[in-house]
PDB file of all heavy atoms in Angstrom:
ATOM      1  N   ASN A   1       0.858  -1.184   0.000  1.00  0.00           N
ATOM      2  CA  ASN A   1       0.000   0.000   0.000  1.00  0.00           C
ATOM      3  C   ASN A   1       0.892   1.231   0.000  1.00  0.00           C
ATOM      4  O   ASN A   1       1.851   1.305   0.773  1.00  0.00           O
ATOM      5  CB  ASN A   1      -0.897   0.040   1.247  1.00  0.00           C
ATOM      6  CG  ASN A   1      -1.948  -1.042   1.237  1.00  0.00           C
ATOM      7  OD1 ASN A   1      -2.486  -1.409   0.198  1.00  0.00           O
ATOM      8  ND2 ASN A   1      -2.248  -1.579   2.423  1.00  0.00           N
ATOM      9  N   ILE A   2       0.595   2.189  -0.881  1.00  0.00           N
ATOM     10  CA  ILE A   2       1.363   3.425  -0.920  1.00  0.00           C
ATOM     11  C   ILE A   2       0.889   4.359   0.179  1.00  0.00           C
ATOM     12  O   ILE A   2      -0.312   4.606   0.336  1.00  0.00           O
ATOM     13  CB  ILE A   2       1.238   4.099  -2.296  1.00  0.00           C
ATOM     14  CG1 ILE A   2       1.966   3.259  -3.358  1.00  0.00           C
ATOM     15  CG2 ILE A   2       1.807   5.523  -2.269  1.00  0.00           C
ATOM     16  CD1 ILE A   2       1.841   3.799  -4.759  1.00  0.00           C
ATOM     17  N   LEU A   3       1.837   4.886   0.965  1.00  0.00           N
ATOM     18  CA  LEU A   3       1.521   5.797   2.060  1.00  0.00           C
ATOM     19  C   LEU A   3       1.799   7.252   1.708  1.00  0.00           C
ATOM     20  O   LEU A   3       1.115   8.153   2.200  1.00  0.00           O
ATOM     21  CB  LEU A   3       2.343   5.423   3.300  1.00  0.00           C
ATOM     22  CG  LEU A   3       2.191   3.996   3.819  1.00  0.00           C
ATOM     23  CD1 LEU A   3       3.126   3.765   4.998  1.00  0.00           C
ATOM     24  CD2 LEU A   3       0.744   3.706   4.211  1.00  0.00           C
ATOM     25  N   GLU A   4       2.808   7.472   0.851  1.00  0.00           N
ATOM     26  CA  GLU A   4       3.211   8.850   0.572  1.00  0.00           C
ATOM     27  C   GLU A   4       3.933   8.913  -0.765  1.00  0.00           C
ATOM     28  O   GLU A   4       4.771   8.058  -1.080  1.00  0.00           O
ATOM     29  CB  GLU A   4       4.133   9.353   1.683  1.00  0.00           C
ATOM     30  CG  GLU A   4       4.539  10.804   1.564  1.00  0.00           C
ATOM     31  CD  GLU A   4       5.439  11.237   2.715  1.00  0.00           C
ATOM     32  OE1 GLU A   4       5.820  10.369   3.541  1.00  0.00           O
ATOM     33  OE2 GLU A   4       5.771  12.437   2.784  1.00  0.00           O
ATOM     34  N   LYS A   5       3.592   9.920  -1.559  1.00  0.00           N
ATOM     35  CA  LYS A   5       4.276  10.181  -2.833  1.00  0.00           C
ATOM     36  C   LYS A   5       5.394  11.191  -2.580  1.00  0.00           C
ATOM     37  O   LYS A   5       5.174  12.223  -1.964  1.00  0.00           O
ATOM     38  CB  LYS A   5       3.289  10.727  -3.864  1.00  0.00           C
ATOM     39  CG  LYS A   5       3.890  10.985  -5.234  1.00  0.00           C
ATOM     40  CD  LYS A   5       2.820  11.471  -6.205  1.00  0.00           C
ATOM     41  CE  LYS A   5       3.390  11.730  -7.595  1.00  0.00           C
ATOM     42  NZ  LYS A   5       2.343  12.186  -8.551  1.00  0.00           N
ATOM     43  N   LEU A   6       6.604  10.897  -3.084  1.00  0.00           N
ATOM     44  CA  LEU A   6       7.770  11.737  -2.809  1.00  0.00           C
ATOM     45  C   LEU A   6       8.453  12.134  -4.117  1.00  0.00           C
ATOM     46  O   LEU A   6       9.453  11.517  -4.527  1.00  0.00           O
ATOM     47  CB  LEU A   6       8.761  10.979  -1.911  1.00  0.00           C
ATOM     48  CG  LEU A   6       8.218  10.479  -0.569  1.00  0.00           C
ATOM     49  CD1 LEU A   6       9.189   9.511   0.076  1.00  0.00           C
ATOM     50  CD2 LEU A   6       7.930  11.653   0.353  1.00  0.00           C
ATOM     51  N   PRO A   7       7.951  13.162  -4.811  1.00  0.00           N
ATOM     52  CA  PRO A   7       8.585  13.607  -6.065  1.00  0.00           C
ATOM     53  C   PRO A   7      10.024  14.055  -5.809  1.00  0.00           C
ATOM     54  O   PRO A   7      10.309  14.702  -4.798  1.00  0.00           O
ATOM     55  CB  PRO A   7       7.707  14.779  -6.519  1.00  0.00           C
ATOM     56  CG  PRO A   7       6.408  14.593  -5.787  1.00  0.00           C
ATOM     57  CD  PRO A   7       6.776  13.980  -4.481  1.00  0.00           C
ATOM     58  N   GLN A   8      10.936  13.706  -6.721  1.00  0.00           N
ATOM     59  CA  GLN A   8      12.340  14.055  -6.591  1.00  0.00           C
ATOM     60  C   GLN A   8      12.736  15.099  -7.644  1.00  0.00           C
ATOM     61  O   GLN A   8      12.096  15.210  -8.686  1.00  0.00           O
ATOM     62  CB  GLN A   8      13.216  12.808  -6.773  1.00  0.00           C
ATOM     63  CG  GLN A   8      12.866  11.672  -5.817  1.00  0.00           C
ATOM     64  CD  GLN A   8      13.124  12.025  -4.376  1.00  0.00           C
ATOM     65  OE1 GLN A   8      14.259  12.322  -4.004  1.00  0.00           O
ATOM     66  NE2 GLN A   8      12.083  11.986  -3.543  1.00  0.00           N
ATOM     67  N   GLU A   9      13.781  15.839  -7.357  1.00  0.00           N
ATOM     68  CA  GLU A   9      14.311  16.808  -8.310  1.00  0.00           C
ATOM     69  C   GLU A   9      15.624  16.273  -8.880  1.00  0.00           C
ATOM     70  O   GLU A   9      16.521  15.888  -8.131  1.00  0.00           O
ATOM     71  CB  GLU A   9      14.551  18.156  -7.642  1.00  0.00           C
ATOM     72  CG  GLU A   9      15.075  19.222  -8.598  1.00  0.00           C
ATOM     73  CD  GLU A   9      15.268  20.559  -7.922  1.00  0.00           C
ATOM     74  OE1 GLU A   9      14.931  20.673  -6.726  1.00  0.00           O
ATOM     75  OE2 GLU A   9      15.781  21.477  -8.585  1.00  0.00           O
ATOM     76  N   LYS A  10      15.722  16.234 -10.206  1.00  0.00           N
ATOM     77  CA  LYS A  10      16.944  15.740 -10.828  1.00  0.00           C
ATOM     78  C   LYS A  10      18.103  16.665 -10.468  1.00  0.00           C
ATOM     79  O   LYS A  10      17.945  17.882 -10.426  1.00  0.00           O
ATOM     80  CB  LYS A  10      16.771  15.663 -12.350  1.00  0.00           C
ATOM     81  CG  LYS A  10      17.827  14.817 -13.030  1.00  0.00           C
ATOM     82  CD  LYS A  10      17.440  14.409 -14.443  1.00  0.00           C
ATOM     83  CE  LYS A  10      17.441  15.583 -15.395  1.00  0.00           C
ATOM     84  NZ  LYS A  10      17.368  15.136 -16.810  1.00  0.00           N
ATOM     85  N   THR A  11      19.253  16.107 -10.205  1.00  0.00           N
ATOM     86  CA  THR A  11      20.383  16.895  -9.725  1.00  0.00           C
ATOM     87  C   THR A  11      21.249  17.449 -10.848  1.00  0.00           C
ATOM     88  O   THR A  11      22.316  18.007 -10.602  1.00  0.00           O
ATOM     89  CB  THR A  11      21.263  16.053  -8.779  1.00  0.00           C
ATOM     90  OG1 THR A  11      21.709  14.874  -9.470  1.00  0.00           O
ATOM     91  CG2 THR A  11      20.484  15.649  -7.540  1.00  0.00           C
ATOM     92  N   TRP A  12      20.820  17.292 -12.092  1.00  0.00           N
ATOM     93  CA  TRP A  12      21.516  17.904 -13.211  1.00  0.00           C
ATOM     94  C   TRP A  12      20.491  18.429 -14.212  1.00  0.00           C
ATOM     95  O   TRP A  12      19.346  18.007 -14.236  1.00  0.00           O
ATOM     96  CB  TRP A  12      22.481  16.922 -13.883  1.00  0.00           C
ATOM     97  CG  TRP A  12      21.843  15.743 -14.552  1.00  0.00           C
ATOM     98  CD1 TRP A  12      21.499  15.612 -15.875  1.00  0.00           C
ATOM     99  CD2 TRP A  12      21.495  14.482 -13.941  1.00  0.00           C
ATOM    100  NE1 TRP A  12      20.959  14.368 -16.125  1.00  0.00           N
ATOM    101  CE2 TRP A  12      20.944  13.659 -14.957  1.00  0.00           C
ATOM    102  CE3 TRP A  12      21.593  13.977 -12.639  1.00  0.00           C
ATOM    103  CZ2 TRP A  12      20.496  12.365 -14.708  1.00  0.00           C
ATOM    104  CZ3 TRP A  12      21.145  12.689 -12.401  1.00  0.00           C
ATOM    105  CH2 TRP A  12      20.617  11.896 -13.420  1.00  0.00           C
ATOM    106  N   ASN A  13      20.938  19.385 -15.007  1.00  0.00           N
ATOM    107  CA  ASN A  13      20.083  19.971 -16.033  1.00  0.00           C
ATOM    108  C   ASN A  13      20.199  19.205 -17.344  1.00  0.00           C
ATOM    109  O   ASN A  13      21.126  18.426 -17.551  1.00  0.00           O
ATOM    110  CB  ASN A  13      20.480  21.438 -16.282  1.00  0.00           C
ATOM    111  CG  ASN A  13      20.242  22.313 -15.072  1.00  0.00           C
ATOM    112  OD1 ASN A  13      19.148  22.346 -14.517  1.00  0.00           O
ATOM    113  ND2 ASN A  13      21.275  23.025 -14.637  1.00  0.00           N
ATOM    114  N   GLY A  14      19.246  19.459 -18.230  1.00  0.00           N
ATOM    115  CA  GLY A  14      19.356  18.963 -19.594  1.00  0.00           C
ATOM    116  C   GLY A  14      19.259  17.462 -19.736  1.00  0.00           C
ATOM    117  O   GLY A  14      18.647  16.757 -18.926  1.00  0.00           O
ATOM    118  N   HIS A  15      19.935  16.955 -20.775  1.00  0.00           N
ATOM    119  CA  HIS A  15      19.847  15.534 -21.137  1.00  0.00           C
ATOM    120  C   HIS A  15      21.239  15.056 -21.530  1.00  0.00           C
ATOM    121  O   HIS A  15      21.823  15.530 -22.501  1.00  0.00           O
ATOM    122  CB  HIS A  15      18.877  15.367 -22.309  1.00  0.00           C
ATOM    123  CG  HIS A  15      18.580  13.946 -22.655  1.00  0.00           C
ATOM    124  ND1 HIS A  15      17.554  13.230 -22.063  1.00  0.00           N
ATOM    125  CD2 HIS A  15      19.172  13.089 -23.522  1.00  0.00           C
ATOM    126  CE1 HIS A  15      17.520  12.008 -22.561  1.00  0.00           C
ATOM    127  NE2 HIS A  15      18.503  11.895 -23.448  1.00  0.00           N
ATOM    128  N   ILE A  16      21.782  14.122 -20.766  1.00  0.00           N
ATOM    129  CA  ILE A  16      23.113  13.579 -21.015  1.00  0.00           C
ATOM    130  C   ILE A  16      22.981  12.254 -21.755  1.00  0.00           C
ATOM    131  O   ILE A  16      22.456  11.281 -21.216  1.00  0.00           O
ATOM    132  CB  ILE A  16      23.870  13.377 -19.690  1.00  0.00           C
ATOM    133  CG1 ILE A  16      24.071  14.728 -18.984  1.00  0.00           C
ATOM    134  CG2 ILE A  16      25.213  12.694 -19.937  1.00  0.00           C
ATOM    135  CD1 ILE A  16      24.684  14.607 -17.602  1.00  0.00           C
ATOM    136  N   HIS A  17      23.459  12.215 -22.991  1.00  0.00           N
ATOM    137  CA  HIS A  17      23.323  11.033 -23.845  1.00  0.00           C
ATOM    138  C   HIS A  17      24.714  10.537 -24.224  1.00  0.00           C
ATOM    139  O   HIS A  17      25.495  11.242 -24.860  1.00  0.00           O
ATOM    140  CB  HIS A  17      22.527  11.397 -25.103  1.00  0.00           C
ATOM    141  CG  HIS A  17      22.183  10.211 -25.963  1.00  0.00           C
ATOM    142  ND1 HIS A  17      21.403  10.313 -27.093  1.00  0.00           N
ATOM    143  CD2 HIS A  17      22.497   8.890 -25.860  1.00  0.00           C
ATOM    144  CE1 HIS A  17      21.256   9.123 -27.650  1.00  0.00           C
ATOM    145  NE2 HIS A  17      21.922   8.243 -26.916  1.00  0.00           N
ATOM    146  N   LEU A  18      25.026   9.320 -23.828  1.00  0.00           N
ATOM    147  CA  LEU A  18      26.283   8.674 -24.181  1.00  0.00           C
ATOM    148  C   LEU A  18      26.011   7.605 -25.227  1.00  0.00           C
ATOM    149  O   LEU A  18      25.154   6.742 -25.032  1.00  0.00           O
ATOM    150  CB  LEU A  18      26.922   8.040 -22.946  1.00  0.00           C
ATOM    151  CG  LEU A  18      28.179   7.212 -23.197  1.00  0.00           C
ATOM    152  CD1 LEU A  18      29.342   8.103 -23.598  1.00  0.00           C
ATOM    153  CD2 LEU A  18      28.534   6.392 -21.960  1.00  0.00           C
ATOM    154  N   ALA A  19      26.750   7.642 -26.333  1.00  0.00           N
ATOM    155  CA  ALA A  19      26.652   6.605 -27.361  1.00  0.00           C
ATOM    156  C   ALA A  19      28.031   5.991 -27.533  1.00  0.00           C
ATOM    157  O   ALA A  19      29.001   6.703 -27.818  1.00  0.00           O
ATOM    158  CB  ALA A  19      26.154   7.196 -28.676  1.00  0.00           C
ATOM    159  N   MET A  20      28.129   4.679 -27.332  1.00  0.00           N
ATOM    160  CA  MET A  20      29.441   4.034 -27.384  1.00  0.00           C
ATOM    161  C   MET A  20      29.374   2.708 -28.118  1.00  0.00           C
ATOM    162  O   MET A  20      28.319   2.058 -28.178  1.00  0.00           O
ATOM    163  CB  MET A  20      29.970   3.792 -25.968  1.00  0.00           C
ATOM    164  CG  MET A  20      29.150   2.807 -25.157  1.00  0.00           C
ATOM    165  SD  MET A  20      29.873   2.400 -23.543  1.00  0.00           S
ATOM    166  CE  MET A  20      31.312   1.425 -24.020  1.00  0.00           C
ATOM    167  N   ALA A  21      30.495   2.326 -28.688  1.00  0.00           N
ATOM    168  CA  ALA A  21      30.612   0.997 -29.287  1.00  0.00           C
ATOM    169  C   ALA A  21      30.987   0.017 -28.180  1.00  0.00           C
ATOM    170  O   ALA A  21      31.953   0.255 -27.458  1.00  0.00           O
ATOM    171  CB  ALA A  21      31.679   1.004 -30.379  1.00  0.00           C
ATOM    172  N   PRO A  22      30.229  -1.065 -28.001  1.00  0.00           N
ATOM    173  CA  PRO A  22      30.536  -2.000 -26.910  1.00  0.00           C
ATOM    174  C   PRO A  22      31.863  -2.711 -27.134  1.00  0.00           C
ATOM    175  O   PRO A  22      32.287  -2.940 -28.261  1.00  0.00           O
ATOM    176  CB  PRO A  22      29.353  -2.982 -26.947  1.00  0.00           C
ATOM    177  CG  PRO A  22      28.809  -2.874 -28.332  1.00  0.00           C
ATOM    178  CD  PRO A  22      29.041  -1.470 -28.769  1.00  0.00           C
ATOM    179  N   THR A  23      32.533  -3.040 -26.038  1.00  0.00           N
ATOM    180  CA  THR A  23      33.815  -3.731 -26.106  1.00  0.00           C
ATOM    181  C   THR A  23      33.606  -5.240 -26.257  1.00  0.00           C
ATOM    182  O   THR A  23      32.500  -5.755 -26.095  1.00  0.00           O
ATOM    183  CB  THR A  23      34.627  -3.466 -24.833  1.00  0.00           C
ATOM    184  OG1 THR A  23      33.947  -4.053 -23.718  1.00  0.00           O
ATOM    185  CG2 THR A  23      34.770  -1.971 -24.582  1.00  0.00           C
ATOM    186  N   LYS A  24      34.690  -5.946 -26.534  1.00  0.00           N
ATOM    187  CA  LYS A  24      34.618  -7.410 -26.636  1.00  0.00           C
ATOM    188  C   LYS A  24      34.253  -8.036 -25.289  1.00  0.00           C
ATOM    189  O   LYS A  24      33.583  -9.066 -25.233  1.00  0.00           O
ATOM    190  CB  LYS A  24      35.959  -7.965 -27.114  1.00  0.00           C
ATOM    191  CG  LYS A  24      36.359  -7.543 -28.522  1.00  0.00           C
ATOM    192  CD  LYS A  24      37.731  -8.078 -28.858  1.00  0.00           C
ATOM    193  CE  LYS A  24      38.194  -7.608 -30.230  1.00  0.00           C
ATOM    194  NZ  LYS A  24      39.564  -8.077 -30.556  1.00  0.00           N
ATOM    195  N   MET A  25      34.726  -7.425 -24.205  1.00  0.00           N
ATOM    196  CA  MET A  25      34.469  -7.954 -22.860  1.00  0.00           C
ATOM    197  C   MET A  25      33.265  -7.240 -22.276  1.00  0.00           C
ATOM    198  O   MET A  25      33.336  -6.076 -21.869  1.00  0.00           O
ATOM    199  CB  MET A  25      35.704  -7.748 -21.976  1.00  0.00           C
ATOM    200  CG  MET A  25      36.934  -8.474 -22.496  1.00  0.00           C
ATOM    201  SD  MET A  25      38.408  -8.162 -21.489  1.00  0.00           S
ATOM    202  CE  MET A  25      37.916  -8.927 -19.937  1.00  0.00           C
ATOM    203  N   MET A  26      32.131  -7.934 -22.222  1.00  0.00           N
ATOM    204  CA  MET A  26      30.877  -7.321 -21.827  1.00  0.00           C
ATOM    205  C   MET A  26      30.909  -6.826 -20.385  1.00  0.00           C
ATOM    206  O   MET A  26      30.251  -5.834 -20.049  1.00  0.00           O
ATOM    207  CB  MET A  26      29.735  -8.333 -22.003  1.00  0.00           C
ATOM    208  CG  MET A  26      28.372  -7.692 -22.028  1.00  0.00           C
ATOM    209  SD  MET A  26      28.229  -6.498 -23.380  1.00  0.00           S
ATOM    210  CE  MET A  26      27.010  -5.393 -22.723  1.00  0.00           C
ATOM    211  N   GLU A  27      31.713  -7.454 -19.535  1.00  0.00           N
ATOM    212  CA  GLU A  27      31.748  -7.029 -18.144  1.00  0.00           C
ATOM    213  C   GLU A  27      32.305  -5.610 -18.015  1.00  0.00           C
ATOM    214  O   GLU A  27      31.956  -4.889 -17.074  1.00  0.00           O
ATOM    215  CB  GLU A  27      32.562  -8.005 -17.278  1.00  0.00           C
ATOM    216  CG  GLU A  27      33.999  -8.188 -17.678  1.00  0.00           C
ATOM    217  CD  GLU A  27      34.195  -9.361 -18.633  1.00  0.00           C
ATOM    218  OE1 GLU A  27      33.245  -9.704 -19.348  1.00  0.00           O
ATOM    219  OE2 GLU A  27      35.313  -9.921 -18.645  1.00  0.00           O
ATOM    220  N   ARG A  28      33.127  -5.195 -18.943  1.00  0.00           N
ATOM    221  CA  ARG A  28      33.650  -3.830 -18.905  1.00  0.00           C
ATOM    222  C   ARG A  28      32.565  -2.824 -19.264  1.00  0.00           C
ATOM    223  O   ARG A  28      32.509  -1.723 -18.706  1.00  0.00           O
ATOM    224  CB  ARG A  28      34.854  -3.705 -19.844  1.00  0.00           C
ATOM    225  CG  ARG A  28      36.116  -4.316 -19.249  1.00  0.00           C
ATOM    226  CD  ARG A  28      37.190  -4.633 -20.236  1.00  0.00           C
ATOM    227  NE  ARG A  28      37.491  -3.541 -21.148  1.00  0.00           N
ATOM    228  CZ  ARG A  28      38.367  -3.638 -22.150  1.00  0.00           C
ATOM    229  NH1 ARG A  28      39.018  -4.779 -22.345  1.00  0.00           N
ATOM    230  NH2 ARG A  28      38.591  -2.612 -22.950  1.00  0.00           N
ATOM    231  N   VAL A  29      31.690  -3.183 -20.201  1.00  0.00           N
ATOM    232  CA  VAL A  29      30.556  -2.321 -20.539  1.00  0.00           C
ATOM    233  C   VAL A  29      29.601  -2.236 -19.355  1.00  0.00           C
ATOM    234  O   VAL A  29      29.080  -1.163 -19.024  1.00  0.00           O
ATOM    235  CB  VAL A  29      29.820  -2.854 -21.784  1.00  0.00           C
ATOM    236  CG1 VAL A  29      28.591  -2.000 -22.096  1.00  0.00           C
ATOM    237  CG2 VAL A  29      30.754  -2.872 -22.988  1.00  0.00           C
ATOM    238  N   GLU A  30      29.360  -3.371 -18.707  1.00  0.00           N
ATOM    239  CA  GLU A  30      28.473  -3.391 -17.544  1.00  0.00           C
ATOM    240  C   GLU A  30      29.039  -2.523 -16.424  1.00  0.00           C
ATOM    241  O   GLU A  30      28.295  -1.800 -15.752  1.00  0.00           O
ATOM    242  CB  GLU A  30      28.267  -4.828 -17.073  1.00  0.00           C
ATOM    243  CG  GLU A  30      27.504  -5.684 -18.085  1.00  0.00           C
ATOM    244  CD  GLU A  30      27.480  -7.154 -17.703  1.00  0.00           C
ATOM    245  OE1 GLU A  30      28.191  -7.526 -16.743  1.00  0.00           O
ATOM    246  OE2 GLU A  30      26.761  -7.919 -18.366  1.00  0.00           O
ATOM    247  N   TRP A  31      30.344  -2.589 -16.215  1.00  0.00           N
ATOM    248  CA  TRP A  31      30.992  -1.753 -15.193  1.00  0.00           C
ATOM    249  C   TRP A  31      30.782  -0.278 -15.517  1.00  0.00           C
ATOM    250  O   TRP A  31      30.428   0.510 -14.637  1.00  0.00           O
ATOM    251  CB  TRP A  31      32.481  -2.080 -15.146  1.00  0.00           C
ATOM    252  CG  TRP A  31      33.262  -1.178 -14.230  1.00  0.00           C
ATOM    253  CD1 TRP A  31      33.450  -1.309 -12.884  1.00  0.00           C
ATOM    254  CD2 TRP A  31      33.953   0.028 -14.614  1.00  0.00           C
ATOM    255  NE1 TRP A  31      34.213  -0.274 -12.411  1.00  0.00           N
ATOM    256  CE2 TRP A  31      34.542   0.562 -13.437  1.00  0.00           C
ATOM    257  CE3 TRP A  31      34.136   0.691 -15.826  1.00  0.00           C
ATOM    258  CZ2 TRP A  31      35.292   1.731 -13.443  1.00  0.00           C
ATOM    259  CZ3 TRP A  31      34.885   1.856 -15.839  1.00  0.00           C
ATOM    260  CH2 TRP A  31      35.455   2.367 -14.664  1.00  0.00           C
ATOM    261  N   MET A  32      31.000   0.098 -16.772  1.00  0.00           N
ATOM    262  CA  MET A  32      30.822   1.490 -17.168  1.00  0.00           C
ATOM    263  C   MET A  32      29.385   1.939 -16.961  1.00  0.00           C
ATOM    264  O   MET A  32      29.122   3.022 -16.416  1.00  0.00           O
ATOM    265  CB  MET A  32      31.215   1.671 -18.640  1.00  0.00           C
ATOM    266  CG  MET A  32      31.231   3.108 -19.151  1.00  0.00           C
ATOM    267  SD  MET A  32      29.609   3.851 -19.440  1.00  0.00           S
ATOM    268  CE  MET A  32      28.900   2.665 -20.587  1.00  0.00           C
ATOM    269  N   ALA A  33      28.410   1.111 -17.360  1.00  0.00           N
ATOM    270  CA  ALA A  33      27.002   1.468 -17.210  1.00  0.00           C
ATOM    271  C   ALA A  33      26.632   1.630 -15.745  1.00  0.00           C
ATOM    272  O   ALA A  33      25.874   2.539 -15.372  1.00  0.00           O
ATOM    273  CB  ALA A  33      26.119   0.404 -17.866  1.00  0.00           C
ATOM    274  N   GLU A  34      27.156   0.774 -14.898  1.00  0.00           N
ATOM    275  CA  GLU A  34      26.893   0.871 -13.460  1.00  0.00           C
ATOM    276  C   GLU A  34      27.424   2.178 -12.894  1.00  0.00           C
ATOM    277  O   GLU A  34      26.704   2.914 -12.201  1.00  0.00           O
ATOM    278  CB  GLU A  34      27.553  -0.303 -12.737  1.00  0.00           C
ATOM    279  CG  GLU A  34      27.401  -0.261 -11.220  1.00  0.00           C
ATOM    280  CD  GLU A  34      28.160  -1.380 -10.539  1.00  0.00           C
ATOM    281  OE1 GLU A  34      29.417  -1.343 -10.575  1.00  0.00           O
ATOM    282  OE2 GLU A  34      27.524  -2.283  -9.983  1.00  0.00           O
ATOM    283  N   LYS A  35      28.680   2.498 -13.198  1.00  0.00           N
ATOM    284  CA  LYS A  35      29.297   3.705 -12.631  1.00  0.00           C
ATOM    285  C   LYS A  35      28.687   4.972 -13.221  1.00  0.00           C
ATOM    286  O   LYS A  35      28.501   5.970 -12.498  1.00  0.00           O
ATOM    287  CB  LYS A  35      30.809   3.686 -12.867  1.00  0.00           C
ATOM    288  CG  LYS A  35      31.517   2.481 -12.268  1.00  0.00           C
ATOM    289  CD  LYS A  35      31.121   2.274 -10.802  1.00  0.00           C
ATOM    290  CE  LYS A  35      31.722   0.991 -10.232  1.00  0.00           C
ATOM    291  NZ  LYS A  35      31.211   0.697  -8.871  1.00  0.00           N
ATOM    292  N   ALA A  36      28.354   4.959 -14.505  1.00  0.00           N
ATOM    293  CA  ALA A  36      27.726   6.131 -15.120  1.00  0.00           C
ATOM    294  C   ALA A  36      26.355   6.388 -14.515  1.00  0.00           C
ATOM    295  O   ALA A  36      25.944   7.542 -14.329  1.00  0.00           O
ATOM    296  CB  ALA A  36      27.609   5.939 -16.632  1.00  0.00           C
TER     297      ALA A  36
END
């Protein structure tokens, strides 16, 4: 059951779009996506 709605404010402006070619080692892409 929902008790309270808590709207959040984004901590950056605009729209950050990263486009990259994936590496041979998928775990490195996953690491980057996690940290980003």
